[in-house]
Amino acid sequence: MTRIIRLQSPKRFRSGCFLSAGLLFFGVVAFPQAPPSPPAPTGASGASTISVEAELVALPVSVTGADGSFVSGLSLEDFRVYEDKRLQKITVFQQGDNPVTVGLIVDHSRSMGPKLPEVIAAVAGFARSSNPQDEMFVVDFNDDVSVELLDGKPFTSNPRELGKAVGAVSARGRTALYDAVAEGLLHLRLGTCERKALIIVSDGGDNASQNTLSQVLALAQQSQVLIYSIGLISDTGEVDPAVLRRLSKDTGAVAYFPDATHNVAIISGQIARDLREQYTLGFTPEKAERANAFRRIEVKVTAPGHGRIHVRARAGYFAADGKLSPAQPAKGAL
C-alpha cells in the first residue's frame, strides 16, 4: 500500500508556540518508548532515535456546567490531580487561549464524495474560529494516506490553504483510518505548540489499514494528543461509532455524530472553542518504578456556585524510566 508524504522540514515556527524553559508538556512528550508491543506505523524508516528528559506532565482539562458551557474563572486551589490515586502537587496552572498544533484527518474514501464540499467549508470555518497562532495541517486518506504540503510549509493558519489541502485528493477507494491517524501523530512531532490535537472527519469504519486499532491507541497514549472525532453516517452505514468514541475518550477529547453533513461546520466550531477554553495543569511525576508503565490520572474540581459540573481529561499516560524515545518517522518524511 502506497503512503504519500508531501511535506518539507520546517524552517521556522511561530514564537507563540514555544514552551517555557524547563517545562515538558504532553504535546512534547511525544512517542515514548513503546509499551511491550506497539510497532511503528507502516513504512517506518530506520532513522536514529532522540531522547528527552521528562520533567513535567501537563494535562489539558475541560470543565463545563450542566448546560455544557465552559466554567471559567477557576483557580489553582479548585483542582486536585491524582496519579494512580496519589495526590500530586500542581506546579503549573494555566487558563486561556494558548496556541495548539492541530491535524485534520479527513476521509476521502468513495462514499465521502458528496460530503467533501461541506467538509472543506467546515475546515475553513475551524481555522477562522481558532487561535491565529495555531499550527494546522491536513492528512487526506482513502486507500492511501497523504500529509498535504501547505504552500511549501508543514503547517498553516490560513483557512484557504487548509480548504485547498482537503480538496487536493479526490474521493475514491477504501478507508485507511488507522494509518491516517498514525501519520497524523507522527506529523504532530514537527509542531512546536505545547498542546496538540487531531480531528478525524470520517464516514466509514477502517477497511484498508496496515496498522491495527490497538497499535494506534498505543501511539495515542504515548503521544498524549487529544483526538476529536466527527463521525458522518454514510449511505452504507459503515461508520464505526465505537472506534471513534474510544479514540476520543481515551485521549480526553470528544466524539460527535451529526445527523446532517452541514452540521459539521457547527461541530468544528465547537471543537475550536473547546481547545481555546481548556485549563492546563502541570505536575512533576515520580520516577517510574518500571519502564513503560501506564499511569492513571483523575482530576477533581471544586466549583462553588456553578452547580453540577463535568470534568474531562485523559485517563492517563505511559511513564518511561526518565527518558522518552519518539517513534520513527514515516518513510518519505524529511
C-alpha atoms as a PDB file:
ATOM      1  CA  MET A   1       0.000   0.000   0.000  1.00  0.00           C
ATOM      2  CA  THR A   2       1.411   3.354  -1.016  1.00  0.00           C
ATOM      3  CA  ARG A   3       1.998   6.052   1.557  1.00  0.00           C
ATOM      4  CA  ILE A   4       2.443   9.515   0.014  1.00  0.00           C
ATOM      5  CA  ILE A   5       4.031  12.104   2.269  1.00  0.00           C
ATOM      6  CA  ARG A   6       4.152  15.604   0.791  1.00  0.00           C
ATOM      7  CA  LEU A   7       5.949  17.812   3.255  1.00  0.00           C
ATOM      8  CA  GLN A   8       9.172  19.636   3.936  1.00  0.00           C
ATOM      9  CA  SER A   9      11.295  20.032   7.037  1.00  0.00           C
ATOM     10  CA  PRO A  10      10.114  23.157   8.879  1.00  0.00           C
ATOM     11  CA  LYS A  11      12.470  26.118   8.727  1.00  0.00           C
ATOM     12  CA  ARG A  12      10.749  28.418  11.209  1.00  0.00           C
ATOM     13  CA  PHE A  13       7.855  28.273  13.659  1.00  0.00           C
ATOM     14  CA  ARG A  14       5.801  30.948  15.344  1.00  0.00           C
ATOM     15  CA  SER A  15       7.312  32.069  18.611  1.00  0.00           C
ATOM     16  CA  GLY A  16       3.903  31.857  20.297  1.00  0.00           C
ATOM     17  CA  CYS A  17       4.132  28.074  20.328  1.00  0.00           C
ATOM     18  CA  PHE A  18       7.459  27.667  22.116  1.00  0.00           C
ATOM     19  CA  LEU A  19       7.481  26.324  25.668  1.00  0.00           C
ATOM     20  CA  SER A  20       8.922  27.996  28.695  1.00  0.00           C
ATOM     21  CA  ALA A  21      12.412  26.758  29.535  1.00  0.00           C
ATOM     22  CA  GLY A  22      12.499  23.684  31.733  1.00  0.00           C
ATOM     23  CA  LEU A  23       8.904  22.594  31.094  1.00  0.00           C
ATOM     24  CA  LEU A  24       7.911  19.453  29.241  1.00  0.00           C
ATOM     25  CA  PHE A  25       4.275  19.432  28.152  1.00  0.00           C
ATOM     26  CA  PHE A  26       2.169  16.498  26.958  1.00  0.00           C
ATOM     27  CA  GLY A  27       2.405  17.796  23.413  1.00  0.00           C
ATOM     28  CA  VAL A  28       6.178  17.479  23.627  1.00  0.00           C
ATOM     29  CA  VAL A  29       6.200  14.165  25.473  1.00  0.00           C
ATOM     30  CA  ALA A  30       5.553  12.518  22.127  1.00  0.00           C
ATOM     31  CA  PHE A  31       6.103   8.839  21.398  1.00  0.00           C
ATOM     32  CA  PRO A  32       7.912   7.442  24.418  1.00  0.00           C
ATOM     33  CA  GLN A  33       9.463   4.006  24.293  1.00  0.00           C
ATOM     34  CA  ALA A  34       6.647   1.784  23.275  1.00  0.00           C
ATOM     35  CA  PRO A  35       4.966  -0.478  25.783  1.00  0.00           C
ATOM     36  CA  PRO A  36       5.724  -4.082  25.129  1.00  0.00           C
ATOM     37  CA  SER A  37       4.275  -4.247  21.748  1.00  0.00           C
ATOM     38  CA  PRO A  38       3.193  -1.426  19.502  1.00  0.00           C
ATOM     39  CA  PRO A  39       5.216  -1.467  16.300  1.00  0.00           C
ATOM     40  CA  ALA A  40       5.970   1.744  14.473  1.00  0.00           C
ATOM     41  CA  PRO A  41       3.438   2.751  11.806  1.00  0.00           C
ATOM     42  CA  THR A  42       3.684   1.073   8.426  1.00  0.00           C
ATOM     43  CA  GLY A  43       6.573   2.330   6.355  1.00  0.00           C
ATOM     44  CA  ALA A  44       8.728   3.423   9.294  1.00  0.00           C
ATOM     45  CA  SER A  45      12.333   4.092   8.444  1.00  0.00           C
ATOM     46  CA  GLY A  46      15.482   3.420  10.398  1.00  0.00           C
ATOM     47  CA  ALA A  47      16.127   6.995  11.476  1.00  0.00           C
ATOM     48  CA  SER A  48      18.010   7.488  14.735  1.00  0.00           C
ATOM     49  CA  THR A  49      16.080   7.828  17.986  1.00  0.00           C
ATOM     50  CA  ILE A  50      16.099  11.041  20.028  1.00  0.00           C
ATOM     51  CA  SER A  51      15.575  11.003  23.795  1.00  0.00           C
ATOM     52  CA  VAL A  52      14.385  13.841  26.025  1.00  0.00           C
ATOM     53  CA  GLU A  53      14.202  14.144  29.794  1.00  0.00           C
ATOM     54  CA  ALA A  54      10.736  14.058  31.374  1.00  0.00           C
ATOM     55  CA  GLU A  55      10.424  16.982  33.799  1.00  0.00           C
ATOM     56  CA  LEU A  56       6.764  17.909  33.809  1.00  0.00           C
ATOM     57  CA  VAL A  57       3.433  16.317  32.947  1.00  0.00           C
ATOM     58  CA  ALA A  58       0.957  18.891  31.641  1.00  0.00           C
ATOM     59  CA  LEU A  59      -2.697  17.947  31.456  1.00  0.00           C
ATOM     60  CA  PRO A  60      -5.369  19.769  29.380  1.00  0.00           C
ATOM     61  CA  VAL A  61      -8.637  19.808  31.363  1.00  0.00           C
ATOM     62  CA  SER A  62     -12.108  20.874  30.237  1.00  0.00           C
ATOM     63  CA  VAL A  63     -14.632  21.952  32.900  1.00  0.00           C
ATOM     64  CA  THR A  64     -18.244  22.503  31.804  1.00  0.00           C
ATOM     65  CA  GLY A  65     -21.512  23.230  33.571  1.00  0.00           C
ATOM     66  CA  ALA A  66     -24.837  21.436  33.336  1.00  0.00           C
ATOM     67  CA  ASP A  67     -25.679  23.374  30.171  1.00  0.00           C
ATOM     68  CA  GLY A  68     -22.387  22.373  28.504  1.00  0.00           C
ATOM     69  CA  SER A  69     -20.828  25.840  28.721  1.00  0.00           C
ATOM     70  CA  PHE A  70     -17.226  26.311  29.823  1.00  0.00           C
ATOM     71  CA  VAL A  71     -16.725  27.105  33.509  1.00  0.00           C
ATOM     72  CA  SER A  72     -14.192  29.923  33.609  1.00  0.00           C
ATOM     73  CA  GLY A  73     -12.542  31.746  36.481  1.00  0.00           C
ATOM     74  CA  LEU A  74     -11.422  28.689  38.456  1.00  0.00           C
ATOM     75  CA  SER A  75      -8.181  28.931  40.416  1.00  0.00           C
ATOM     76  CA  LEU A  76      -5.373  26.518  41.174  1.00  0.00           C
ATOM     77  CA  GLU A  77      -6.936  25.739  44.554  1.00  0.00           C
ATOM     78  CA  ASP A  78     -10.080  24.423  42.838  1.00  0.00           C
ATOM     79  CA  PHE A  79      -8.204  21.500  41.214  1.00  0.00           C
ATOM     80  CA  ARG A  80      -6.902  18.197  42.558  1.00  0.00           C
ATOM     81  CA  VAL A  81      -4.865  15.826  40.384  1.00  0.00           C
ATOM     82  CA  TYR A  82      -4.308  12.197  41.312  1.00  0.00           C
ATOM     83  CA  GLU A  83      -1.851   9.854  39.627  1.00  0.00           C
ATOM     84  CA  ASP A  84      -2.510   6.200  40.464  1.00  0.00           C
ATOM     85  CA  LYS A  85      -4.676   7.504  43.350  1.00  0.00           C
ATOM     86  CA  ARG A  86      -1.820   9.582  44.810  1.00  0.00           C
ATOM     87  CA  LEU A  87      -2.407  13.329  45.141  1.00  0.00           C
ATOM     88  CA  GLN A  88       0.050  15.368  43.055  1.00  0.00           C
ATOM     89  CA  LYS A  89       1.380  18.867  43.666  1.00  0.00           C
ATOM     90  CA  ILE A  90       0.265  21.135  40.814  1.00  0.00           C
ATOM     91  CA  THR A  91       3.249  23.265  39.825  1.00  0.00           C
ATOM     92  CA  VAL A  92       1.853  24.825  36.625  1.00  0.00           C
ATOM     93  CA  PHE A  93      -1.613  26.285  36.184  1.00  0.00           C
ATOM     94  CA  GLN A  94      -2.807  27.976  33.004  1.00  0.00           C
ATOM     95  CA  GLN A  95      -6.154  29.177  31.782  1.00  0.00           C
ATOM     96  CA  GLY A  96      -6.533  30.910  28.483  1.00  0.00           C
ATOM     97  CA  ASP A  97      -6.259  30.655  24.770  1.00  0.00           C
ATOM     98  CA  ASN A  98      -2.837  29.120  24.193  1.00  0.00           C
ATOM     99  CA  PRO A  99      -1.778  28.032  20.666  1.00  0.00           C
ATOM    100  CA  VAL A 100      -2.333  24.428  19.570  1.00  0.00           C
ATOM    101  CA  THR A 101      -0.828  22.234  16.856  1.00  0.00           C
ATOM    102  CA  VAL A 102      -3.834  20.603  15.138  1.00  0.00           C
ATOM    103  CA  GLY A 103      -4.012  17.915  12.467  1.00  0.00           C
ATOM    104  CA  LEU A 104      -7.214  17.479  10.424  1.00  0.00           C
ATOM    105  CA  ILE A 105      -7.582  13.805   9.410  1.00  0.00           C
ATOM    106  CA  VAL A 106     -10.055  13.840   6.506  1.00  0.00           C
ATOM    107  CA  ASP A 107     -11.631  10.767   4.918  1.00  0.00           C
ATOM    108  CA  HIS A 108     -11.534  10.709   1.091  1.00  0.00           C
ATOM    109  CA  SER A 109     -12.975   7.254   0.548  1.00  0.00           C
ATOM    110  CA  ARG A 110     -15.522   6.794  -2.256  1.00  0.00           C
ATOM    111  CA  SER A 111     -18.592   7.367  -0.032  1.00  0.00           C
ATOM    112  CA  MET A 112     -17.287  10.780   1.060  1.00  0.00           C
ATOM    113  CA  GLY A 113     -17.611  12.309  -2.420  1.00  0.00           C
ATOM    114  CA  PRO A 114     -20.943  14.151  -1.881  1.00  0.00           C
ATOM    115  CA  LYS A 115     -19.867  15.299   1.596  1.00  0.00           C
ATOM    116  CA  LEU A 116     -16.479  16.843   0.785  1.00  0.00           C
ATOM    117  CA  PRO A 117     -17.745  20.350  -0.137  1.00  0.00           C
ATOM    118  CA  GLU A 118     -19.340  20.673   3.311  1.00  0.00           C
ATOM    119  CA  VAL A 119     -16.229  19.261   4.961  1.00  0.00           C
ATOM    120  CA  ILE A 120     -13.988  21.766   3.137  1.00  0.00           C
ATOM    121  CA  ALA A 121     -16.205  24.614   4.328  1.00  0.00           C
ATOM    122  CA  ALA A 122     -16.135  23.245   7.882  1.00  0.00           C
ATOM    123  CA  VAL A 123     -12.332  23.004   7.857  1.00  0.00           C
ATOM    124  CA  ALA A 124     -12.072  26.633   6.777  1.00  0.00           C
ATOM    125  CA  GLY A 125     -14.565  27.580   9.490  1.00  0.00           C
ATOM    126  CA  PHE A 126     -12.494  25.752  12.082  1.00  0.00           C
ATOM    127  CA  ALA A 127      -9.422  27.726  11.063  1.00  0.00           C
ATOM    128  CA  ARG A 128     -11.314  31.022  11.342  1.00  0.00           C
ATOM    129  CA  SER A 129     -12.501  30.081  14.855  1.00  0.00           C
ATOM    130  CA  SER A 130      -9.054  29.041  16.049  1.00  0.00           C
ATOM    131  CA  ASN A 131      -6.231  30.967  17.669  1.00  0.00           C
ATOM    132  CA  PRO A 132      -4.355  32.855  14.901  1.00  0.00           C
ATOM    133  CA  GLN A 133      -1.126  31.310  16.214  1.00  0.00           C
ATOM    134  CA  ASP A 134      -2.360  27.707  15.898  1.00  0.00           C
ATOM    135  CA  GLU A 135      -0.299  25.403  13.664  1.00  0.00           C
ATOM    136  CA  MET A 136      -2.585  23.308  11.426  1.00  0.00           C
ATOM    137  CA  PHE A 137      -2.129  20.636   8.786  1.00  0.00           C
ATOM    138  CA  VAL A 138      -4.229  18.162   6.786  1.00  0.00           C
ATOM    139  CA  VAL A 139      -3.934  14.402   6.338  1.00  0.00           C
ATOM    140  CA  ASP A 140      -6.082  13.135   3.441  1.00  0.00           C
ATOM    141  CA  PHE A 141      -6.785   9.401   3.275  1.00  0.00           C
ATOM    142  CA  ASN A 142      -8.572   6.678   1.323  1.00  0.00           C
ATOM    143  CA  ASP A 143      -6.563   3.591   0.284  1.00  0.00           C
ATOM    144  CA  ASP A 144      -3.543   5.872   0.562  1.00  0.00           C
ATOM    145  CA  VAL A 145      -2.501   8.437   3.161  1.00  0.00           C
ATOM    146  CA  SER A 146      -1.057  11.828   2.260  1.00  0.00           C
ATOM    147  CA  VAL A 147       0.158  14.644   4.502  1.00  0.00           C
ATOM    148  CA  GLU A 148      -0.575  17.651   2.302  1.00  0.00           C
ATOM    149  CA  LEU A 149       2.053  20.321   1.726  1.00  0.00           C
ATOM    150  CA  LEU A 150       0.638  23.727   2.659  1.00  0.00           C
ATOM    151  CA  ASP A 151       2.102  26.373   0.358  1.00  0.00           C
ATOM    152  CA  GLY A 152       5.570  24.927   0.929  1.00  0.00           C
ATOM    153  CA  LYS A 153       5.149  24.701   4.713  1.00  0.00           C
ATOM    154  CA  PRO A 154       4.368  21.823   7.109  1.00  0.00           C
ATOM    155  CA  PHE A 155       1.736  23.963   8.924  1.00  0.00           C
ATOM    156  CA  THR A 156      -0.570  26.889   8.258  1.00  0.00           C
ATOM    157  CA  SER A 157      -3.247  29.017   9.933  1.00  0.00           C
ATOM    158  CA  ASN A 158      -4.721  30.147   6.604  1.00  0.00           C
ATOM    159  CA  PRO A 159      -8.317  28.879   6.082  1.00  0.00           C
ATOM    160  CA  ARG A 160      -7.944  28.954   2.274  1.00  0.00           C
ATOM    161  CA  GLU A 161      -4.781  26.835   2.373  1.00  0.00           C
ATOM    162  CA  LEU A 162      -6.475  24.274   4.604  1.00  0.00           C
ATOM    163  CA  GLY A 163      -9.529  24.076   2.355  1.00  0.00           C
ATOM    164  CA  LYS A 164      -7.281  23.650  -0.676  1.00  0.00           C
ATOM    165  CA  ALA A 165      -5.399  20.826   1.080  1.00  0.00           C
ATOM    166  CA  VAL A 166      -8.648  18.986   1.860  1.00  0.00           C
ATOM    167  CA  GLY A 167      -9.706  19.287  -1.779  1.00  0.00           C
ATOM    168  CA  ALA A 168      -6.345  18.096  -3.110  1.00  0.00           C
ATOM    169  CA  VAL A 169      -7.415  14.427  -3.184  1.00  0.00           C
ATOM    170  CA  SER A 170     -10.473  13.006  -4.946  1.00  0.00           C
ATOM    171  CA  ALA A 171     -12.938  10.712  -3.175  1.00  0.00           C
ATOM    172  CA  ARG A 172     -12.201   7.116  -4.135  1.00  0.00           C
ATOM    173  CA  GLY A 173     -11.300   3.714  -2.756  1.00  0.00           C
ATOM    174  CA  ARG A 174     -11.487   2.378   0.771  1.00  0.00           C
ATOM    175  CA  THR A 175     -10.813   3.762   4.274  1.00  0.00           C
ATOM    176  CA  ALA A 176      -7.322   3.547   5.839  1.00  0.00           C
ATOM    177  CA  LEU A 177      -8.351   5.376   9.011  1.00  0.00           C
ATOM    178  CA  TYR A 178      -5.829   3.858  11.427  1.00  0.00           C
ATOM    179  CA  ASP A 179      -2.897   4.508   9.092  1.00  0.00           C
ATOM    180  CA  ALA A 180      -4.030   8.129   8.692  1.00  0.00           C
ATOM    181  CA  VAL A 181      -4.217   8.670  12.451  1.00  0.00           C
ATOM    182  CA  ALA A 182      -0.735   7.149  12.847  1.00  0.00           C
ATOM    183  CA  GLU A 183       0.646   9.523  10.202  1.00  0.00           C
ATOM    184  CA  GLY A 184      -1.072  12.457  11.901  1.00  0.00           C
ATOM    185  CA  LEU A 185       0.514  11.562  15.240  1.00  0.00           C
ATOM    186  CA  LEU A 186       3.917  11.435  13.572  1.00  0.00           C
ATOM    187  CA  HIS A 187       3.485  14.789  11.822  1.00  0.00           C
ATOM    188  CA  LEU A 188       2.491  16.434  15.105  1.00  0.00           C
ATOM    189  CA  ARG A 189       6.074  15.857  16.239  1.00  0.00           C
ATOM    190  CA  LEU A 190       7.138  18.678  13.903  1.00  0.00           C
ATOM    191  CA  GLY A 191       4.866  21.112  15.740  1.00  0.00           C
ATOM    192  CA  THR A 192       6.130  23.445  18.436  1.00  0.00           C
ATOM    193  CA  CYS A 193       2.957  24.216  20.425  1.00  0.00           C
ATOM    194  CA  GLU A 194       2.711  22.722  23.888  1.00  0.00           C
ATOM    195  CA  ARG A 195      -0.775  21.347  23.217  1.00  0.00           C
ATOM    196  CA  LYS A 196      -1.530  19.057  20.285  1.00  0.00           C
ATOM    197  CA  ALA A 197      -4.720  17.616  18.820  1.00  0.00           C
ATOM    198  CA  LEU A 198      -6.108  15.636  15.904  1.00  0.00           C
ATOM    199  CA  ILE A 199      -9.608  15.998  14.442  1.00  0.00           C
ATOM    200  CA  ILE A 200     -10.906  12.991  12.500  1.00  0.00           C
ATOM    201  CA  VAL A 201     -13.667  13.524   9.910  1.00  0.00           C
ATOM    202  CA  SER A 202     -14.843  10.188   8.507  1.00  0.00           C
ATOM    203  CA  ASP A 203     -17.959   8.320   7.433  1.00  0.00           C
ATOM    204  CA  GLY A 204     -16.558   4.804   7.430  1.00  0.00           C
ATOM    205  CA  GLY A 205     -15.049   2.112   9.577  1.00  0.00           C
ATOM    206  CA  ASP A 206     -11.488   1.124   8.711  1.00  0.00           C
ATOM    207  CA  ASN A 207     -11.132  -1.442   5.942  1.00  0.00           C
ATOM    208  CA  ALA A 208      -7.718  -0.706   4.379  1.00  0.00           C
ATOM    209  CA  SER A 209      -5.107  -0.012   7.101  1.00  0.00           C
ATOM    210  CA  GLN A 210      -1.982  -1.983   7.858  1.00  0.00           C
ATOM    211  CA  ASN A 211      -1.949  -0.607  11.407  1.00  0.00           C
ATOM    212  CA  THR A 212      -4.451  -2.027  13.907  1.00  0.00           C
ATOM    213  CA  LEU A 213      -6.682  -0.146  16.327  1.00  0.00           C
ATOM    214  CA  SER A 214      -4.638  -1.361  19.308  1.00  0.00           C
ATOM    215  CA  GLN A 215      -1.425  -0.070  17.721  1.00  0.00           C
ATOM    216  CA  VAL A 216      -2.930   3.358  17.049  1.00  0.00           C
ATOM    217  CA  LEU A 217      -4.372   3.549  20.573  1.00  0.00           C
ATOM    218  CA  ALA A 218      -0.927   2.756  21.996  1.00  0.00           C
ATOM    219  CA  LEU A 219       0.663   5.519  19.899  1.00  0.00           C
ATOM    220  CA  ALA A 220      -2.033   7.964  21.022  1.00  0.00           C
ATOM    221  CA  GLN A 221      -1.490   7.117  24.694  1.00  0.00           C
ATOM    222  CA  GLN A 222       2.229   7.624  24.259  1.00  0.00           C
ATOM    223  CA  SER A 223       1.906  10.941  22.427  1.00  0.00           C
ATOM    224  CA  GLN A 224      -0.686  12.451  24.821  1.00  0.00           C
ATOM    225  CA  VAL A 225      -2.559  14.049  21.900  1.00  0.00           C
ATOM    226  CA  LEU A 226      -6.246  14.968  22.109  1.00  0.00           C
ATOM    227  CA  ILE A 227      -8.165  13.152  19.339  1.00  0.00           C
ATOM    228  CA  TYR A 228     -11.567  14.608  18.446  1.00  0.00           C
ATOM    229  CA  SER A 229     -13.854  12.699  16.063  1.00  0.00           C
ATOM    230  CA  ILE A 230     -16.654  13.750  13.736  1.00  0.00           C
ATOM    231  CA  GLY A 231     -18.411  10.611  12.509  1.00  0.00           C
ATOM    232  CA  LEU A 232     -20.615  11.107   9.443  1.00  0.00           C
ATOM    233  CA  ILE A 233     -23.230   8.440   8.798  1.00  0.00           C
ATOM    234  CA  SER A 234     -22.586   7.022   5.326  1.00  0.00           C
ATOM    235  CA  ASP A 235     -25.118   5.614   2.891  1.00  0.00           C
ATOM    236  CA  THR A 236     -23.653   2.167   3.538  1.00  0.00           C
ATOM    237  CA  GLY A 237     -23.777   2.586   7.311  1.00  0.00           C
ATOM    238  CA  GLU A 238     -20.049   1.897   7.634  1.00  0.00           C
ATOM    239  CA  VAL A 239     -19.285   4.430  10.348  1.00  0.00           C
ATOM    240  CA  ASP A 240     -17.917   2.731  13.475  1.00  0.00           C
ATOM    241  CA  PRO A 241     -19.054   4.793  16.484  1.00  0.00           C
ATOM    242  CA  ALA A 242     -17.304   2.530  18.992  1.00  0.00           C
ATOM    243  CA  VAL A 243     -13.870   3.071  17.427  1.00  0.00           C
ATOM    244  CA  LEU A 244     -14.231   6.849  17.160  1.00  0.00           C
ATOM    245  CA  ARG A 245     -15.601   7.106  20.690  1.00  0.00           C
ATOM    246  CA  ARG A 246     -12.697   5.011  22.007  1.00  0.00           C
ATOM    247  CA  LEU A 247     -10.054   7.128  20.265  1.00  0.00           C
ATOM    248  CA  SER A 248     -11.616  10.310  21.627  1.00  0.00           C
ATOM    249  CA  LYS A 249     -12.469   9.187  25.160  1.00  0.00           C
ATOM    250  CA  ASP A 250      -9.083   7.586  25.815  1.00  0.00           C
ATOM    251  CA  THR A 251      -7.307  10.816  24.877  1.00  0.00           C
ATOM    252  CA  GLY A 252      -9.580  13.207  26.805  1.00  0.00           C
ATOM    253  CA  ALA A 253     -11.461  14.575  23.779  1.00  0.00           C
ATOM    254  CA  VAL A 254     -14.991  14.176  22.362  1.00  0.00           C
ATOM    255  CA  ALA A 255     -16.607  12.201  19.519  1.00  0.00           C
ATOM    256  CA  TYR A 256     -19.502  13.798  17.614  1.00  0.00           C
ATOM    257  CA  PHE A 257     -22.039  12.157  15.299  1.00  0.00           C
ATOM    258  CA  PRO A 258     -24.040  14.868  13.488  1.00  0.00           C
ATOM    259  CA  ASP A 259     -27.360  13.965  11.897  1.00  0.00           C
ATOM    260  CA  ALA A 260     -26.638  16.084   8.821  1.00  0.00           C
ATOM    261  CA  THR A 261     -23.475  16.888   6.899  1.00  0.00           C
ATOM    262  CA  HIS A 262     -23.985  20.649   7.141  1.00  0.00           C
ATOM    263  CA  ASN A 263     -23.714  20.342  10.938  1.00  0.00           C
ATOM    264  CA  VAL A 264     -20.009  19.535  10.545  1.00  0.00           C
ATOM    265  CA  ALA A 265     -19.334  23.278  10.438  1.00  0.00           C
ATOM    266  CA  ILE A 266     -21.160  23.784  13.752  1.00  0.00           C
ATOM    267  CA  ILE A 267     -19.242  20.952  15.388  1.00  0.00           C
ATOM    268  CA  SER A 268     -15.886  22.139  14.078  1.00  0.00           C
ATOM    269  CA  GLY A 269     -16.611  25.485  15.734  1.00  0.00           C
ATOM    270  CA  GLN A 270     -17.413  23.700  18.999  1.00  0.00           C
ATOM    271  CA  ILE A 271     -14.082  21.861  18.859  1.00  0.00           C
ATOM    272  CA  ALA A 272     -12.226  25.105  18.192  1.00  0.00           C
ATOM    273  CA  ARG A 273     -13.868  26.671  21.241  1.00  0.00           C
ATOM    274  CA  ASP A 274     -13.127  23.606  23.368  1.00  0.00           C
ATOM    275  CA  LEU A 275      -9.430  23.837  22.507  1.00  0.00           C
ATOM    276  CA  ARG A 276      -9.368  27.559  23.327  1.00  0.00           C
ATOM    277  CA  GLU A 277     -11.153  27.234  26.692  1.00  0.00           C
ATOM    278  CA  GLN A 278      -9.209  24.479  28.444  1.00  0.00           C
ATOM    279  CA  TYR A 279      -7.213  24.681  31.656  1.00  0.00           C
ATOM    280  CA  THR A 280      -3.683  23.242  31.693  1.00  0.00           C
ATOM    281  CA  LEU A 281      -2.399  21.662  34.896  1.00  0.00           C
ATOM    282  CA  GLY A 282       1.236  20.666  35.301  1.00  0.00           C
ATOM    283  CA  PHE A 283       2.891  18.394  37.851  1.00  0.00           C
ATOM    284  CA  THR A 284       6.222  16.628  38.222  1.00  0.00           C
ATOM    285  CA  PRO A 285       5.703  12.853  38.255  1.00  0.00           C
ATOM    286  CA  GLU A 286       7.602  10.466  40.464  1.00  0.00           C
ATOM    287  CA  LYS A 287      10.236   8.392  38.722  1.00  0.00           C
ATOM    288  CA  ALA A 288       8.672   5.324  37.158  1.00  0.00           C
ATOM    289  CA  GLU A 289       9.283   2.137  39.116  1.00  0.00           C
ATOM    290  CA  ARG A 290       9.293   0.263  35.833  1.00  0.00           C
ATOM    291  CA  ALA A 291       9.673   1.464  32.284  1.00  0.00           C
ATOM    292  CA  ASN A 292       6.631   1.828  30.050  1.00  0.00           C
ATOM    293  CA  ALA A 293       4.162   1.753  32.958  1.00  0.00           C
ATOM    294  CA  PHE A 294       0.692   3.189  32.354  1.00  0.00           C
ATOM    295  CA  ARG A 295      -0.231   5.762  34.994  1.00  0.00           C
ATOM    296  CA  ARG A 296      -3.891   6.536  35.567  1.00  0.00           C
ATOM    297  CA  ILE A 297      -4.933  10.137  36.120  1.00  0.00           C
ATOM    298  CA  GLU A 298      -8.004  11.509  37.873  1.00  0.00           C
ATOM    299  CA  VAL A 299      -8.861  15.204  38.073  1.00  0.00           C
ATOM    300  CA  LYS A 300     -11.303  16.522  40.677  1.00  0.00           C
ATOM    301  CA  VAL A 301     -12.665  20.073  40.634  1.00  0.00           C
ATOM    302  CA  THR A 302     -14.473  22.168  43.212  1.00  0.00           C
ATOM    303  CA  ALA A 303     -16.547  24.928  41.634  1.00  0.00           C
ATOM    304  CA  PRO A 304     -18.795  26.608  44.220  1.00  0.00           C
ATOM    305  CA  GLY A 305     -21.779  28.361  42.714  1.00  0.00           C
ATOM    306  CA  HIS A 306     -21.605  26.501  39.398  1.00  0.00           C
ATOM    307  CA  GLY A 307     -23.896  23.617  40.298  1.00  0.00           C
ATOM    308  CA  ARG A 308     -23.255  20.228  38.740  1.00  0.00           C
ATOM    309  CA  ILE A 309     -20.081  20.251  36.635  1.00  0.00           C
ATOM    310  CA  HIS A 310     -18.408  17.845  34.232  1.00  0.00           C
ATOM    311  CA  VAL A 311     -14.628  17.401  34.175  1.00  0.00           C
ATOM    312  CA  ARG A 312     -12.936  15.921  31.120  1.00  0.00           C
ATOM    313  CA  ALA A 313      -9.286  14.889  30.922  1.00  0.00           C
ATOM    314  CA  ARG A 314      -7.341  11.959  29.527  1.00  0.00           C
ATOM    315  CA  ALA A 315      -7.374   8.750  31.548  1.00  0.00           C
ATOM    316  CA  GLY A 316      -3.599   8.507  31.878  1.00  0.00           C
ATOM    317  CA  TYR A 317      -0.265   8.218  30.106  1.00  0.00           C
ATOM    318  CA  PHE A 318       2.672   5.873  29.670  1.00  0.00           C
ATOM    319  CA  ALA A 319       5.579   6.625  32.007  1.00  0.00           C
ATOM    320  CA  ALA A 320       9.049   5.662  30.864  1.00  0.00           C
ATOM    321  CA  ASP A 321      12.158   5.337  33.020  1.00  0.00           C
ATOM    322  CA  GLY A 322      13.125   9.002  32.778  1.00  0.00           C
ATOM    323  CA  LYS A 323      13.669   9.064  29.022  1.00  0.00           C
ATOM    324  CA  LEU A 324      11.150   9.146  26.236  1.00  0.00           C
ATOM    325  CA  SER A 325      12.012   7.892  22.772  1.00  0.00           C
ATOM    326  CA  PRO A 326       9.991   9.128  19.791  1.00  0.00           C
ATOM    327  CA  ALA A 327       8.710   6.636  17.260  1.00  0.00           C
ATOM    328  CA  GLN A 328      10.436   6.502  13.901  1.00  0.00           C
ATOM    329  CA  PRO A 329       9.240   8.982  11.243  1.00  0.00           C
ATOM    330  CA  ALA A 330       7.203   7.677   8.355  1.00  0.00           C
ATOM    331  CA  LYS A 331       9.009   6.738   5.154  1.00  0.00           C
ATOM    332  CA  GLY A 332       9.293   9.773   2.943  1.00  0.00           C
ATOM    333  CA  ALA A 333       9.200  12.327   5.752  1.00  0.00           C
ATOM    334  CA  LEU A 334      12.111  14.762   5.865  1.00  0.00           C
END
